[in-house]
C-alpha atoms as a PDB file:
ATOM      1  CA  MET A   1      -1.248  65.407  25.852  1.00  0.00           C
ATOM      2  CA  SER A   2      -2.469  62.418  27.866  1.00  0.00           C
ATOM      3  CA  GLN A   3      -4.852  62.875  30.793  1.00  0.00           C
ATOM      4  CA  ILE A   4      -2.150  61.771  33.257  1.00  0.00           C
ATOM      5  CA  THR A   5       0.343  64.304  31.871  1.00  0.00           C
ATOM      6  CA  GLU A   6      -2.306  67.009  31.921  1.00  0.00           C
ATOM      7  CA  ARG A   7      -3.166  66.274  35.556  1.00  0.00           C
ATOM      8  CA  ASN A   8       0.536  66.325  36.501  1.00  0.00           C
ATOM      9  CA  THR A   9       0.995  69.678  34.776  1.00  0.00           C
ATOM     10  CA  LEU A  10      -2.047  71.150  36.501  1.00  0.00           C
ATOM     11  CA  SER A  11      -0.909  69.853  39.903  1.00  0.00           C
ATOM     12  CA  ARG A  12       2.616  71.217  39.383  1.00  0.00           C
ATOM     13  CA  GLN A  13       1.400  74.647  38.295  1.00  0.00           C
ATOM     14  CA  TRP A  14      -0.979  74.777  41.263  1.00  0.00           C
ATOM     15  CA  GLU A  15       1.970  74.209  43.602  1.00  0.00           C
ATOM     16  CA  ILE A  16       3.986  76.895  41.808  1.00  0.00           C
ATOM     17  CA  LEU A  17       1.199  79.397  42.425  1.00  0.00           C
ATOM     18  CA  ARG A  18       1.153  78.412  46.096  1.00  0.00           C
ATOM     19  CA  LEU A  19       4.924  78.788  46.409  1.00  0.00           C
ATOM     20  CA  LEU A  20       5.137  82.271  44.880  1.00  0.00           C
ATOM     21  CA  PRO A  21       5.609  85.013  47.523  1.00  0.00           C
ATOM     22  CA  SER A  22       3.512  88.196  47.682  1.00  0.00           C
ATOM     23  CA  VAL A  23       6.374  90.534  48.654  1.00  0.00           C
ATOM     24  CA  GLY A  24      10.106  90.936  48.196  1.00  0.00           C
ATOM     25  CA  VAL A  25      12.297  90.276  45.172  1.00  0.00           C
ATOM     26  CA  GLY A  26      10.544  87.015  44.385  1.00  0.00           C
ATOM     27  CA  ILE A  27      11.655  83.404  44.093  1.00  0.00           C
ATOM     28  CA  SER A  28      13.894  82.083  41.323  1.00  0.00           C
ATOM     29  CA  ALA A  29      13.083  79.198  38.993  1.00  0.00           C
ATOM     30  CA  ARG A  30      16.020  77.243  40.442  1.00  0.00           C
ATOM     31  CA  GLU A  31      14.639  77.616  43.988  1.00  0.00           C
ATOM     32  CA  LEU A  32      11.196  76.563  42.755  1.00  0.00           C
ATOM     33  CA  VAL A  33      12.750  73.407  41.288  1.00  0.00           C
ATOM     34  CA  LYS A  34      14.222  72.543  44.697  1.00  0.00           C
ATOM     35  CA  ARG A  35      10.917  73.070  46.493  1.00  0.00           C
ATOM     36  CA  LEU A  36       8.917  71.174  43.882  1.00  0.00           C
ATOM     37  CA  THR A  37      11.393  68.296  44.045  1.00  0.00           C
ATOM     38  CA  SER A  38      10.921  68.125  47.821  1.00  0.00           C
ATOM     39  CA  LEU A  39       7.172  67.835  47.159  1.00  0.00           C
ATOM     40  CA  GLY A  40       7.709  64.832  44.862  1.00  0.00           C
ATOM     41  CA  PHE A  41       7.726  66.490  41.428  1.00  0.00           C
ATOM     42  CA  ASN A  42      10.359  65.448  38.904  1.00  0.00           C
ATOM     43  CA  VAL A  43      10.836  68.712  37.037  1.00  0.00           C
ATOM     44  CA  SER A  44      13.576  70.689  35.280  1.00  0.00           C
ATOM     45  CA  LYS A  45      14.413  74.387  35.529  1.00  0.00           C
ATOM     46  CA  ARG A  46      13.350  74.872  31.913  1.00  0.00           C
ATOM     47  CA  THR A  47       9.938  73.334  32.611  1.00  0.00           C
ATOM     48  CA  VAL A  48       9.413  75.629  35.601  1.00  0.00           C
ATOM     49  CA  GLU A  49      10.370  78.675  33.520  1.00  0.00           C
ATOM     50  CA  ARG A  50       7.883  77.612  30.852  1.00  0.00           C
ATOM     51  CA  ASP A  51       5.196  77.154  33.531  1.00  0.00           C
ATOM     52  CA  LEU A  52       5.883  80.615  34.960  1.00  0.00           C
ATOM     53  CA  ASN A  53       5.591  82.292  31.567  1.00  0.00           C
ATOM     54  CA  GLU A  54       2.339  80.454  30.890  1.00  0.00           C
ATOM     55  CA  LEU A  55       0.891  81.255  34.332  1.00  0.00           C
ATOM     56  CA  SER A  56       1.843  84.936  34.014  1.00  0.00           C
ATOM     57  CA  ARG A  57      -0.584  85.213  31.086  1.00  0.00           C
ATOM     58  CA  GLN A  58      -3.452  84.010  33.295  1.00  0.00           C
ATOM     59  CA  PHE A  59      -2.531  85.374  36.735  1.00  0.00           C
ATOM     60  CA  PRO A  60      -1.145  88.733  38.002  1.00  0.00           C
ATOM     61  CA  LEU A  61       2.464  87.572  38.341  1.00  0.00           C
ATOM     62  CA  LEU A  62       5.532  89.790  38.293  1.00  0.00           C
ATOM     63  CA  CYS A  63       9.022  88.879  37.090  1.00  0.00           C
ATOM     64  CA  ASN A  64      11.835  90.868  38.708  1.00  0.00           C
ATOM     65  CA  ASP A  65      14.360  90.992  35.873  1.00  0.00           C
ATOM     66  CA  LYS A  66      16.558  93.736  37.354  1.00  0.00           C
ATOM     67  CA  SER A  67      19.150  91.203  38.478  1.00  0.00           C
ATOM     68  CA  ARG A  68      19.902  87.532  37.992  1.00  0.00           C
ATOM     69  CA  PRO A  69      18.550  85.106  38.887  1.00  0.00           C
ATOM     70  CA  TYR A  70      15.131  86.464  37.985  1.00  0.00           C
ATOM     71  CA  GLY A  71      12.618  86.425  40.825  1.00  0.00           C
ATOM     72  CA  TRP A  72       8.913  85.690  40.458  1.00  0.00           C
ATOM     73  CA  ARG A  73       6.151  86.821  42.813  1.00  0.00           C
ATOM     74  CA  TRP A  74       2.566  88.003  42.908  1.00  0.00           C
ATOM     75  CA  MET A  75       1.946  91.618  41.888  1.00  0.00           C
ATOM     76  CA  ASP A  76       1.217  94.125  44.641  1.00  0.00           C
ATOM     77  CA  ASN A  77      -2.347  93.815  45.933  1.00  0.00           C
ATOM     78  CA  ALA A  78      -2.974  90.874  43.598  1.00  0.00           C
ATOM     79  CA  SER A  79      -6.041  88.857  44.512  1.00  0.00           C
ATOM     80  CA  PHE A  80      -5.502  85.095  44.405  1.00  0.00           C
ATOM     81  CA  ASP A  81      -9.111  83.949  43.951  1.00  0.00           C
ATOM     82  CA  ILE A  82      -8.462  80.209  43.993  1.00  0.00           C
ATOM     83  CA  PRO A  83      -9.484  79.700  47.678  1.00  0.00           C
ATOM     84  CA  ASN A  84     -13.233  79.136  47.900  1.00  0.00           C
ATOM     85  CA  LEU A  85     -14.072  81.191  50.988  1.00  0.00           C
ATOM     86  CA  SER A  86     -17.514  80.824  52.490  1.00  0.00           C
ATOM     87  CA  ILE A  87     -19.601  83.804  53.581  1.00  0.00           C
ATOM     88  CA  SER A  88     -18.713  82.976  57.192  1.00  0.00           C
ATOM     89  CA  ASP A  89     -15.010  83.011  56.310  1.00  0.00           C
ATOM     90  CA  CYS A  90     -15.376  86.394  54.600  1.00  0.00           C
ATOM     91  CA  VAL A  91     -17.226  87.922  57.563  1.00  0.00           C
ATOM     92  CA  SER A  92     -14.512  86.659  59.902  1.00  0.00           C
ATOM     93  CA  LEU A  93     -11.765  88.107  57.695  1.00  0.00           C
ATOM     94  CA  ALA A  94     -13.507  91.492  57.407  1.00  0.00           C
ATOM     95  CA  ILE A  95     -13.832  91.832  61.190  1.00  0.00           C
ATOM     96  CA  THR A  96     -10.346  90.457  61.811  1.00  0.00           C
ATOM     97  CA  GLU A  97      -8.788  93.050  59.507  1.00  0.00           C
ATOM     98  CA  GLU A  98     -10.269  95.908  61.538  1.00  0.00           C
ATOM     99  CA  VAL A  99      -8.799  94.504  64.748  1.00  0.00           C
ATOM    100  CA  ILE A 100      -5.332  93.321  63.711  1.00  0.00           C
ATOM    101  CA  ALA A 101      -4.375  95.801  60.970  1.00  0.00           C
ATOM    102  CA  PRO A 102      -3.050  98.456  63.419  1.00  0.00           C
ATOM    103  CA  LEU A 103      -1.045  95.809  65.318  1.00  0.00           C
ATOM    104  CA  LEU A 104       0.845  94.040  62.522  1.00  0.00           C
ATOM    105  CA  PRO A 105       3.988  95.245  60.739  1.00  0.00           C
ATOM    106  CA  PRO A 106       3.534  96.020  57.007  1.00  0.00           C
ATOM    107  CA  SER A 107       5.711  93.056  56.021  1.00  0.00           C
ATOM    108  CA  VAL A 108       3.239  90.700  57.716  1.00  0.00           C
ATOM    109  CA  LEU A 109       0.079  92.575  56.756  1.00  0.00           C
ATOM    110  CA  ARG A 110       0.906  92.968  53.054  1.00  0.00           C
ATOM    111  CA  PRO A 111       0.508  89.275  52.095  1.00  0.00           C
ATOM    112  CA  LEU A 112      -2.853  89.199  53.886  1.00  0.00           C
ATOM    113  CA  LYS A 113      -4.233  92.215  52.049  1.00  0.00           C
ATOM    114  CA  PRO A 114      -5.413  90.265  48.940  1.00  0.00           C
ATOM    115  CA  ARG A 115      -7.368  87.938  51.233  1.00  0.00           C
ATOM    116  CA  PHE A 116      -9.022  90.876  52.973  1.00  0.00           C
ATOM    117  CA  GLU A 117      -9.879  92.510  49.641  1.00  0.00           C
ATOM    118  CA  TYR A 118     -11.287  89.242  48.304  1.00  0.00           C
ATOM    119  CA  ALA A 119     -13.474  88.886  51.427  1.00  0.00           C
ATOM    120  CA  LYS A 120     -14.850  92.422  51.060  1.00  0.00           C
ATOM    121  CA  LYS A 121     -15.572  91.919  47.374  1.00  0.00           C
ATOM    122  CA  HIS A 122     -17.292  88.587  48.026  1.00  0.00           C
ATOM    123  CA  LEU A 123     -19.466  90.120  50.765  1.00  0.00           C
ATOM    124  CA  GLN A 124     -20.498  93.023  48.508  1.00  0.00           C
ATOM    125  CA  GLU A 125     -21.519  90.650  45.732  1.00  0.00           C
ATOM    126  CA  ALA A 126     -23.527  88.448  48.117  1.00  0.00           C
ATOM    127  CA  ASN A 127     -25.031  91.286  50.154  1.00  0.00           C
ATOM    128  CA  ARG A 128     -28.528  91.116  48.660  1.00  0.00           C
ATOM    129  CA  ASP A 129     -28.797  87.332  48.576  1.00  0.00           C
ATOM    130  CA  HIS A 130     -27.288  86.337  51.910  1.00  0.00           C
ATOM    131  CA  ALA A 131     -28.295  87.736  55.308  1.00  0.00           C
ATOM    132  CA  LEU A 132     -24.926  86.939  56.902  1.00  0.00           C
ATOM    133  CA  ALA A 133     -23.143  89.007  54.231  1.00  0.00           C
ATOM    134  CA  GLN A 134     -24.784  92.110  55.767  1.00  0.00           C
ATOM    135  CA  TRP A 135     -23.416  91.369  59.231  1.00  0.00           C
ATOM    136  CA  THR A 136     -20.477  93.795  59.004  1.00  0.00           C
ATOM    137  CA  ASP A 137     -22.958  96.597  58.242  1.00  0.00           C
ATOM    138  CA  LYS A 138     -24.834  95.836  61.465  1.00  0.00           C
ATOM    139  CA  VAL A 139     -22.008  95.607  63.999  1.00  0.00           C
ATOM    140  CA  ALA A 140     -19.062  97.833  64.873  1.00  0.00           C
ATOM    141  CA  ILE A 141     -16.014  97.593  67.112  1.00  0.00           C
ATOM    142  CA  ARG A 142     -15.776 100.527  69.525  1.00  0.00           C
ATOM    143  CA  THR A 143     -13.563 101.101  72.537  1.00  0.00           C
ATOM    144  CA  PRO A 144     -15.305 101.876  75.847  1.00  0.00           C
ATOM    145  CA  SER A 145     -13.139 104.953  76.419  1.00  0.00           C
ATOM    146  CA  MET A 146     -13.443 108.398  74.870  1.00  0.00           C
ATOM    147  CA  PRO A 147     -12.459 108.327  71.164  1.00  0.00           C
ATOM    148  CA  LEU A 148      -9.154 110.070  70.528  1.00  0.00           C
ATOM    149  CA  LEU A 149      -7.522 111.346  67.363  1.00  0.00           C
ATOM    150  CA  PRO A 150      -4.762 108.943  66.299  1.00  0.00           C
ATOM    151  CA  PRO A 151      -1.250 110.424  66.298  1.00  0.00           C
ATOM    152  CA  ALA A 152       0.544 111.078  63.022  1.00  0.00           C
ATOM    153  CA  ILE A 153       3.189 108.349  62.748  1.00  0.00           C
ATOM    154  CA  ASP A 154       5.892 108.201  60.104  1.00  0.00           C
ATOM    155  CA  GLY A 155       5.309 104.954  58.213  1.00  0.00           C
ATOM    156  CA  GLN A 156       9.021 104.252  57.781  1.00  0.00           C
ATOM    157  CA  VAL A 157       9.701 104.773  61.491  1.00  0.00           C
ATOM    158  CA  LEU A 158       6.794 102.488  62.448  1.00  0.00           C
ATOM    159  CA  ASN A 159       8.031  99.806  60.050  1.00  0.00           C
ATOM    160  CA  THR A 160      11.540 100.000  61.553  1.00  0.00           C
ATOM    161  CA  ILE A 161      10.219  99.653  65.103  1.00  0.00           C
ATOM    162  CA  GLN A 162       7.919  96.761  64.228  1.00  0.00           C
ATOM    163  CA  SER A 163      10.653  94.965  62.275  1.00  0.00           C
ATOM    164  CA  ALA A 164      13.031  95.298  65.224  1.00  0.00           C
ATOM    165  CA  LEU A 165      10.360  93.943  67.555  1.00  0.00           C
ATOM    166  CA  LEU A 166       9.761  91.037  65.187  1.00  0.00           C
ATOM    167  CA  ASP A 167      13.492  90.207  65.103  1.00  0.00           C
ATOM    168  CA  ASP A 168      13.967  90.546  68.904  1.00  0.00           C
ATOM    169  CA  LYS A 169      16.281  93.531  68.476  1.00  0.00           C
ATOM    170  CA  GLN A 170      16.762  96.387  70.904  1.00  0.00           C
ATOM    171  CA  VAL A 171      15.774  99.866  69.781  1.00  0.00           C
ATOM    172  CA  LYS A 172      17.257 103.082  71.099  1.00  0.00           C
ATOM    173  CA  VAL A 173      14.492 105.662  71.316  1.00  0.00           C
ATOM    174  CA  VAL A 174      14.844 109.398  71.854  1.00  0.00           C
ATOM    175  CA  TYR A 175      11.608 110.990  73.036  1.00  0.00           C
ATOM    176  CA  SER A 176      10.604 113.874  70.796  1.00  0.00           C
ATOM    177  CA  GLY A 177       7.341 114.623  72.539  1.00  0.00           C
ATOM    178  CA  VAL A 178       6.103 114.202  76.104  1.00  0.00           C
ATOM    179  CA  TRP A 179       2.512 114.937  77.046  1.00  0.00           C
ATOM    180  CA  VAL A 180       1.467 116.316  80.400  1.00  0.00           C
ATOM    181  CA  CYS A 181      -2.044 116.576  81.734  1.00  0.00           C
ATOM    182  CA  GLY A 182      -3.472 119.031  84.257  1.00  0.00           C
ATOM    183  CA  LEU A 183      -6.811 119.126  86.062  1.00  0.00           C
ATOM    184  CA  GLU A 184      -9.051 122.189  85.906  1.00  0.00           C
ATOM    185  CA  TRP A 185     -12.301 122.986  87.679  1.00  0.00           C
ATOM    186  CA  GLY A 186     -15.099 120.746  86.471  1.00  0.00           C
ATOM    187  CA  THR A 187     -18.081 121.762  84.384  1.00  0.00           C
ATOM    188  CA  GLU A 188     -21.548 120.968  85.657  1.00  0.00           C
ATOM    189  CA  PHE A 189     -23.794 118.946  83.376  1.00  0.00           C
ATOM    190  CA  LYS A 190     -27.542 118.627  83.800  1.00  0.00           C
ATOM    191  CA  ASP A 191     -27.672 115.080  82.516  1.00  0.00           C
ATOM    192  CA  LEU A 192     -25.868 112.560  80.316  1.00  0.00           C
ATOM    193  CA  ALA A 193     -27.264 114.171  77.166  1.00  0.00           C
ATOM    194  CA  ASP A 194     -25.320 117.353  77.980  1.00  0.00           C
ATOM    195  CA  LEU A 195     -22.183 115.302  78.546  1.00  0.00           C
ATOM    196  CA  GLU A 196     -22.544 113.449  75.233  1.00  0.00           C
ATOM    197  CA  LYS A 197     -22.993 116.758  73.409  1.00  0.00           C
ATOM    198  CA  ALA A 198     -19.876 118.192  75.050  1.00  0.00           C
ATOM    199  CA  MET A 199     -17.852 115.110  74.075  1.00  0.00           C
ATOM    200  CA  GLU A 200     -18.611 115.750  70.413  1.00  0.00           C
ATOM    201  CA  GLY A 201     -16.392 118.840  70.532  1.00  0.00           C
ATOM    202  CA  PRO A 202     -15.065 121.099  69.249  1.00  0.00           C
ATOM    203  CA  PHE A 203     -12.164 121.205  71.705  1.00  0.00           C
ATOM    204  CA  ASN A 204      -9.992 124.233  72.265  1.00  0.00           C
ATOM    205  CA  VAL A 205      -6.405 123.932  71.060  1.00  0.00           C
ATOM    206  CA  GLY A 206      -3.781 126.513  72.011  1.00  0.00           C
ATOM    207  CA  ASN A 207      -0.060 126.969  72.591  1.00  0.00           C
ATOM    208  CA  TRP A 208       2.431 129.110  74.477  1.00  0.00           C
ATOM    209  CA  ASP A 209       3.747 130.968  71.442  1.00  0.00           C
ATOM    210  CA  GLY A 210       5.539 134.100  72.693  1.00  0.00           C
ATOM    211  CA  GLN A 211       4.276 133.503  76.254  1.00  0.00           C
ATOM    212  CA  VAL A 212       6.633 130.864  77.698  1.00  0.00           C
ATOM    213  CA  GLN A 213       8.239 133.143  80.277  1.00  0.00           C
ATOM    214  CA  GLU A 214       4.852 134.509  81.352  1.00  0.00           C
ATOM    215  CA  ARG A 215       3.278 131.034  81.628  1.00  0.00           C
ATOM    216  CA  LEU A 216       6.135 129.783  83.830  1.00  0.00           C
ATOM    217  CA  LYS A 217       5.010 132.156  86.596  1.00  0.00           C
ATOM    218  CA  TYR A 218       2.311 129.609  87.443  1.00  0.00           C
ATOM    219  CA  GLN A 219       3.449 126.880  89.843  1.00  0.00           C
ATOM    220  CA  TYR A 220       2.170 123.946  87.793  1.00  0.00           C
ATOM    221  CA  ASN A 221       3.772 125.176  84.573  1.00  0.00           C
ATOM    222  CA  ASN A 222       7.030 125.767  86.415  1.00  0.00           C
ATOM    223  CA  LYS A 223       7.000 122.125  87.529  1.00  0.00           C
ATOM    224  CA  ILE A 224       6.382 121.068  83.922  1.00  0.00           C
ATOM    225  CA  ALA A 225       9.505 122.949  82.837  1.00  0.00           C
ATOM    226  CA  TRP A 226      11.509 121.244  85.583  1.00  0.00           C
ATOM    227  CA  LEU A 227      10.198 117.828  84.440  1.00  0.00           C
ATOM    228  CA  TYR A 228      11.256 118.502  80.848  1.00  0.00           C
ATOM    229  CA  SER A 229      14.686 119.640  82.005  1.00  0.00           C
ATOM    230  CA  TYR A 230      15.097 116.254  83.699  1.00  0.00           C
ATOM    231  CA  LEU A 231      13.762 114.184  80.775  1.00  0.00           C
ATOM    232  CA  TYR A 232      15.851 115.971  78.157  1.00  0.00           C
ATOM    233  CA  ASP A 233      18.902 116.450  80.397  1.00  0.00           C
ATOM    234  CA  TRP A 234      18.868 120.210  79.997  1.00  0.00           C
ATOM    235  CA  GLU A 235      21.576 122.351  81.525  1.00  0.00           C
ATOM    236  CA  HIS A 236      20.983 124.198  84.787  1.00  0.00           C
ATOM    237  CA  GLY A 237      18.239 126.794  84.717  1.00  0.00           C
ATOM    238  CA  HIS A 238      15.092 125.001  83.619  1.00  0.00           C
ATOM    239  CA  LYS A 239      13.146 128.235  83.046  1.00  0.00           C
ATOM    240  CA  GLU A 240      15.769 129.664  80.707  1.00  0.00           C
ATOM    241  CA  GLN A 241      15.998 126.348  78.866  1.00  0.00           C
ATOM    242  CA  ALA A 242      12.197 126.173  78.575  1.00  0.00           C
ATOM    243  CA  VAL A 243      12.225 129.547  76.808  1.00  0.00           C
ATOM    244  CA  ARG A 244      15.156 128.493  74.621  1.00  0.00           C
ATOM    245  CA  HIS A 245      13.512 125.215  73.556  1.00  0.00           C
ATOM    246  CA  LYS A 246      10.108 126.913  73.087  1.00  0.00           C
ATOM    247  CA  LEU A 247       8.257 124.727  75.544  1.00  0.00           C
ATOM    248  CA  MET A 248       4.596 124.159  74.567  1.00  0.00           C
ATOM    249  CA  CYS A 249       4.988 126.318  71.448  1.00  0.00           C
ATOM    250  CA  SER A 250       3.766 125.336  67.995  1.00  0.00           C
ATOM    251  CA  ASP A 251       7.345 125.165  66.700  1.00  0.00           C
ATOM    252  CA  GLY A 252       8.882 123.842  69.932  1.00  0.00           C
ATOM    253  CA  ILE A 253       8.526 120.762  72.128  1.00  0.00           C
ATOM    254  CA  GLY A 254       5.914 119.402  74.509  1.00  0.00           C
ATOM    255  CA  PHE A 255       2.159 119.111  74.687  1.00  0.00           C
ATOM    256  CA  LYS A 256      -0.079 120.005  77.609  1.00  0.00           C
ATOM    257  CA  MET A 257      -3.681 118.887  78.001  1.00  0.00           C
ATOM    258  CA  ASN A 258      -6.163 120.159  80.581  1.00  0.00           C
ATOM    259  CA  ALA A 259      -8.739 117.656  81.804  1.00  0.00           C
ATOM    260  CA  PHE A 260     -12.014 118.855  83.319  1.00  0.00           C
ATOM    261  CA  PRO A 261     -13.478 116.558  86.005  1.00  0.00           C
ATOM    262  CA  ILE A 262     -17.141 115.819  85.369  1.00  0.00           C
ATOM    263  CA  SER A 263     -19.656 116.899  87.979  1.00  0.00           C
ATOM    264  CA  PHE A 264     -23.441 116.521  88.242  1.00  0.00           C
ATOM    265  CA  LYS A 265     -25.987 118.065  90.527  1.00  0.00           C
ATOM    266  CA  ASN A 266     -26.991 114.754  92.091  1.00  0.00           C
ATOM    267  CA  ARG A 267     -27.296 111.028  91.409  1.00  0.00           C
ATOM    268  CA  SER A 268     -30.779 111.323  89.969  1.00  0.00           C
ATOM    269  CA  SER A 269     -29.493 113.411  87.077  1.00  0.00           C
ATOM    270  CA  VAL A 270     -27.424 110.482  85.790  1.00  0.00           C
ATOM    271  CA  SER A 271     -29.813 107.630  86.524  1.00  0.00           C
END
């Protein structure tokens, strides 16, 4: 093989690797021929198929042979190590992942995952020899508000909502849970240290199991039942419906949280 032919083969196979998707059913050899032709390569379908078979012995490629035409793509979570990322690039990717991962739909996040994994691996290997590689161990992203437990979200439901948002589609949503919050008498703290200790928990968690009718005797709880009757379009008689739907019960609907206003003796105790 001449040097020119060898360089052409290497260049063509490089482009094939770049064109292969990370998700879905894959791309066919015929479609690869079209895209390579548009990039200036004069190549046949047979040559592309031979390239794919050869590349699959060196790279984590997957051939979807369940239906014709066969589709080629990268394996799940495959790491494409060809990009030469600097330590700065890896640090940026590691921090970016923490911020954007909860915001992106799985279909968008999945192709980025190999890059994130490569960045983490590269930082671990360079940790002892490069000061910047230790940066992610020295900083953290924290919200200024009180940390809350994340809700349990069905992955399939979240994917459907995010996909609809991505495609500019309307989504009809039926609320399955509405939270209400009440204010109780505050607790006096001596100083900020007492407050920080209290914020660590544990927090009391209860329900109205077997007590719905009794709890509705209180004015605030009665108003909660009326609110739910409006939101869920209950029939007349919000108290009876609250008992029927097991309002605030472990096997019913609703969630109530009591907030305790913070109070201190004086300004000097928090200075």
